[in-house]
Amino acid sequence: MEFKLDEQMAEFCGILLGDGNLWTNGRKYEVTITGSPKDRGYMNYILRYTTKKLGQKAYYRIRGRGLRISIYSKKMFKFLTTDAKIESGMKKAMSGTPQWIFSSKRFSRAFIRGVFDTDGSIFTSRKKE
């Protein structure tokens, strides 16, 4: 399967910047998304998403107190770092939104959906201002 800078990839890039990691040692290439056990339903969604929409075999496992989805693909890693402009390393080291995301409202919405699904929250308060 060929990767494209499209709506599906924009959402996946948002997921990566929210809870992901791109790692390589020069011989192995890994795209990883980590969540907590309470996120099992969403992690299953990501697993189906990577398989059906992105055509990548993903591995799902429990590690310590977290759930991890890993994709071992040099082709996908290279696409994400070169074409999609996602920096490798842990999410804390990943900086900024890739510029191609801003080329379309659909891409922007999909990207925000991915980030918000992994790292977003809504808080309400009864306090009067």
C-alpha atoms as a PDB file:
ATOM      1  CA  MET A   1       0.000   0.000   0.000  1.00  0.00           C
ATOM      2  CA  GLU A   2       1.202   3.477  -0.863  1.00  0.00           C
ATOM      3  CA  PHE A   3       0.929   6.131   1.830  1.00  0.00           C
ATOM      4  CA  LYS A   4      -0.630   9.494   1.016  1.00  0.00           C
ATOM      5  CA  LEU A   5      -0.870  12.840   2.745  1.00  0.00           C
ATOM      6  CA  ASP A   6      -4.633  12.616   3.133  1.00  0.00           C
ATOM      7  CA  GLU A   7      -7.322  12.856   5.805  1.00  0.00           C
ATOM      8  CA  GLN A   8      -6.553   9.400   7.241  1.00  0.00           C
ATOM      9  CA  MET A   9      -2.850  10.196   7.504  1.00  0.00           C
ATOM     10  CA  ALA A  10      -3.630  13.577   9.097  1.00  0.00           C
ATOM     11  CA  GLU A  11      -5.636  11.842  11.842  1.00  0.00           C
ATOM     12  CA  PHE A  12      -2.893   9.263  12.334  1.00  0.00           C
ATOM     13  CA  CYS A  13      -0.277  12.041  12.644  1.00  0.00           C
ATOM     14  CA  GLY A  14      -2.479  13.666  15.304  1.00  0.00           C
ATOM     15  CA  ILE A  15      -2.656  10.364  17.179  1.00  0.00           C
ATOM     16  CA  LEU A  16       1.140  10.058  16.966  1.00  0.00           C
ATOM     17  CA  LEU A  17       1.741  13.552  18.281  1.00  0.00           C
ATOM     18  CA  GLY A  18      -0.720  12.845  21.093  1.00  0.00           C
ATOM     19  CA  ASP A  19       0.453   9.426  22.298  1.00  0.00           C
ATOM     20  CA  GLY A  20       2.988   8.179  19.793  1.00  0.00           C
ATOM     21  CA  ASN A  21       6.632   7.520  19.237  1.00  0.00           C
ATOM     22  CA  LEU A  22       8.784   6.941  16.146  1.00  0.00           C
ATOM     23  CA  TRP A  23      11.934   4.990  16.919  1.00  0.00           C
ATOM     24  CA  THR A  24      14.831   3.527  14.971  1.00  0.00           C
ATOM     25  CA  ASN A  25      18.302   2.240  15.644  1.00  0.00           C
ATOM     26  CA  GLY A  26      19.134   2.175  11.938  1.00  0.00           C
ATOM     27  CA  ARG A  27      18.182  -1.493  11.538  1.00  0.00           C
ATOM     28  CA  LYS A  28      14.764  -1.648  13.210  1.00  0.00           C
ATOM     29  CA  TYR A  29      11.977   0.850  12.584  1.00  0.00           C
ATOM     30  CA  GLU A  30       9.019   1.166  14.941  1.00  0.00           C
ATOM     31  CA  VAL A  31       5.897   3.330  15.046  1.00  0.00           C
ATOM     32  CA  THR A  32       4.302   3.036  18.489  1.00  0.00           C
ATOM     33  CA  ILE A  33       1.155   4.342  20.172  1.00  0.00           C
ATOM     34  CA  THR A  34       0.742   3.879  23.911  1.00  0.00           C
ATOM     35  CA  GLY A  35      -2.379   4.158  26.058  1.00  0.00           C
ATOM     36  CA  SER A  36      -3.679   3.115  29.444  1.00  0.00           C
ATOM     37  CA  PRO A  37      -5.825   0.042  30.147  1.00  0.00           C
ATOM     38  CA  LYS A  38      -8.878   2.304  30.551  1.00  0.00           C
ATOM     39  CA  ASP A  39      -8.376   3.305  26.887  1.00  0.00           C
ATOM     40  CA  ARG A  40      -8.804  -0.267  25.627  1.00  0.00           C
ATOM     41  CA  GLY A  41     -11.794   0.650  23.411  1.00  0.00           C
ATOM     42  CA  TYR A  42      -9.911   3.505  21.743  1.00  0.00           C
ATOM     43  CA  MET A  43      -6.768   1.393  21.354  1.00  0.00           C
ATOM     44  CA  ASN A  44      -8.873  -1.249  19.573  1.00  0.00           C
ATOM     45  CA  TYR A  45     -10.144   1.538  17.273  1.00  0.00           C
ATOM     46  CA  ILE A  46      -6.533   2.549  16.496  1.00  0.00           C
ATOM     47  CA  LEU A  47      -5.628  -1.091  15.846  1.00  0.00           C
ATOM     48  CA  ARG A  48      -8.487  -1.465  13.325  1.00  0.00           C
ATOM     49  CA  TYR A  49      -7.669   1.957  11.841  1.00  0.00           C
ATOM     50  CA  THR A  50      -4.030   1.104  11.156  1.00  0.00           C
ATOM     51  CA  THR A  51      -4.998  -2.223   9.613  1.00  0.00           C
ATOM     52  CA  LYS A  52      -7.953  -1.122   7.455  1.00  0.00           C
ATOM     53  CA  LYS A  53      -7.234   2.524   6.595  1.00  0.00           C
ATOM     54  CA  LEU A  54      -3.434   2.460   6.492  1.00  0.00           C
ATOM     55  CA  GLY A  55      -2.941  -1.172   5.465  1.00  0.00           C
ATOM     56  CA  GLN A  56      -0.344  -1.876   8.137  1.00  0.00           C
ATOM     57  CA  LYS A  57      -0.069  -4.940  10.355  1.00  0.00           C
ATOM     58  CA  ALA A  58      -0.054  -3.727  13.932  1.00  0.00           C
ATOM     59  CA  TYR A  59       0.856  -5.603  17.102  1.00  0.00           C
ATOM     60  CA  TYR A  60      -1.132  -5.034  20.279  1.00  0.00           C
ATOM     61  CA  ARG A  61       0.250  -5.897  23.695  1.00  0.00           C
ATOM     62  CA  ILE A  62       0.072  -4.999  27.351  1.00  0.00           C
ATOM     63  CA  ARG A  63       3.313  -3.623  28.732  1.00  0.00           C
ATOM     64  CA  GLY A  64       3.550  -2.824  32.415  1.00  0.00           C
ATOM     65  CA  ARG A  65       0.589  -0.598  33.190  1.00  0.00           C
ATOM     66  CA  GLY A  66      -0.037   0.386  29.582  1.00  0.00           C
ATOM     67  CA  LEU A  67      -1.285  -0.856  26.258  1.00  0.00           C
ATOM     68  CA  ARG A  68       0.976  -0.571  23.243  1.00  0.00           C
ATOM     69  CA  ILE A  69       0.338  -0.767  19.536  1.00  0.00           C
ATOM     70  CA  SER A  70       3.483  -1.214  17.452  1.00  0.00           C
ATOM     71  CA  ILE A  71       3.974  -1.147  13.699  1.00  0.00           C
ATOM     72  CA  TYR A  72       7.319  -2.445  12.463  1.00  0.00           C
ATOM     73  CA  SER A  73       7.698  -0.855   9.050  1.00  0.00           C
ATOM     74  CA  LYS A  74      10.684   0.963   7.593  1.00  0.00           C
ATOM     75  CA  LYS A  75       8.499   2.201   4.733  1.00  0.00           C
ATOM     76  CA  MET A  76       5.928   3.750   7.082  1.00  0.00           C
ATOM     77  CA  PHE A  77       8.631   5.197   9.346  1.00  0.00           C
ATOM     78  CA  LYS A  78      10.383   6.823   6.383  1.00  0.00           C
ATOM     79  CA  PHE A  79       7.088   8.197   5.039  1.00  0.00           C
ATOM     80  CA  LEU A  80       6.161   9.690   8.416  1.00  0.00           C
ATOM     81  CA  THR A  81       9.560  11.292   8.989  1.00  0.00           C
ATOM     82  CA  THR A  82      10.285  12.409   5.406  1.00  0.00           C
ATOM     83  CA  ASP A  83       6.948  13.125   3.710  1.00  0.00           C
ATOM     84  CA  ALA A  84       4.648  13.779   6.685  1.00  0.00           C
ATOM     85  CA  LYS A  85       7.405  15.699   8.514  1.00  0.00           C
ATOM     86  CA  ILE A  86       6.906  14.037  11.911  1.00  0.00           C
ATOM     87  CA  GLU A  87      10.071  14.066  14.008  1.00  0.00           C
ATOM     88  CA  SER A  88      11.257  10.759  15.414  1.00  0.00           C
ATOM     89  CA  GLY A  89      11.579  10.303  19.138  1.00  0.00           C
ATOM     90  CA  MET A  90       9.162  10.359  22.017  1.00  0.00           C
ATOM     91  CA  LYS A  91       6.158  12.648  21.750  1.00  0.00           C
ATOM     92  CA  LYS A  92       7.807  15.162  24.081  1.00  0.00           C
ATOM     93  CA  ALA A  93      10.580  15.571  21.519  1.00  0.00           C
ATOM     94  CA  MET A  94       8.176  15.876  18.593  1.00  0.00           C
ATOM     95  CA  SER A  95       7.617  19.517  17.855  1.00  0.00           C
ATOM     96  CA  GLY A  96       4.901  21.347  16.031  1.00  0.00           C
ATOM     97  CA  THR A  97       2.246  20.531  13.540  1.00  0.00           C
ATOM     98  CA  PRO A  98       3.509  19.648  10.052  1.00  0.00           C
ATOM     99  CA  GLN A  99       2.714  22.435   7.564  1.00  0.00           C
ATOM    100  CA  TRP A 100       0.844  20.161   5.127  1.00  0.00           C
ATOM    101  CA  ILE A 101      -1.884  19.759   7.780  1.00  0.00           C
ATOM    102  CA  PHE A 102      -2.864  23.413   7.215  1.00  0.00           C
ATOM    103  CA  SER A 103      -3.364  22.927   3.462  1.00  0.00           C
ATOM    104  CA  SER A 104      -6.936  21.674   3.974  1.00  0.00           C
ATOM    105  CA  LYS A 105      -9.689  22.159   6.554  1.00  0.00           C
ATOM    106  CA  ARG A 106     -10.375  18.420   6.352  1.00  0.00           C
ATOM    107  CA  PHE A 107      -6.724  17.637   7.157  1.00  0.00           C
ATOM    108  CA  SER A 108      -6.749  20.144  10.031  1.00  0.00           C
ATOM    109  CA  ARG A 109      -9.959  18.711  11.504  1.00  0.00           C
ATOM    110  CA  ALA A 110      -8.697  15.132  11.197  1.00  0.00           C
ATOM    111  CA  PHE A 111      -5.364  16.070  12.815  1.00  0.00           C
ATOM    112  CA  ILE A 112      -7.096  17.834  15.718  1.00  0.00           C
ATOM    113  CA  ARG A 113      -9.411  14.833  16.145  1.00  0.00           C
ATOM    114  CA  GLY A 114      -6.365  12.540  16.471  1.00  0.00           C
ATOM    115  CA  VAL A 115      -4.592  14.798  18.983  1.00  0.00           C
ATOM    116  CA  PHE A 116      -7.759  15.400  21.009  1.00  0.00           C
ATOM    117  CA  ASP A 117      -8.711  11.716  21.074  1.00  0.00           C
ATOM    118  CA  THR A 118      -5.342  10.869  22.606  1.00  0.00           C
ATOM    119  CA  ASP A 119      -4.509  13.929  24.741  1.00  0.00           C
ATOM    120  CA  GLY A 120      -7.621  16.104  24.873  1.00  0.00           C
ATOM    121  CA  SER A 121     -10.033  16.737  27.674  1.00  0.00           C
ATOM    122  CA  ILE A 122     -12.981  18.933  28.478  1.00  0.00           C
ATOM    123  CA  PHE A 123     -13.419  20.440  31.888  1.00  0.00           C
ATOM    124  CA  THR A 124     -16.507  22.150  33.227  1.00  0.00           C
ATOM    125  CA  SER A 125     -16.950  24.079  36.423  1.00  0.00           C
ATOM    126  CA  ARG A 126     -19.970  25.425  38.266  1.00  0.00           C
ATOM    127  CA  LYS A 127     -18.015  28.462  39.420  1.00  0.00           C
ATOM    128  CA  LYS A 128     -19.533  31.806  38.599  1.00  0.00           C
ATOM    129  CA  GLU A 129     -17.201  34.331  37.103  1.00  0.00           C
END
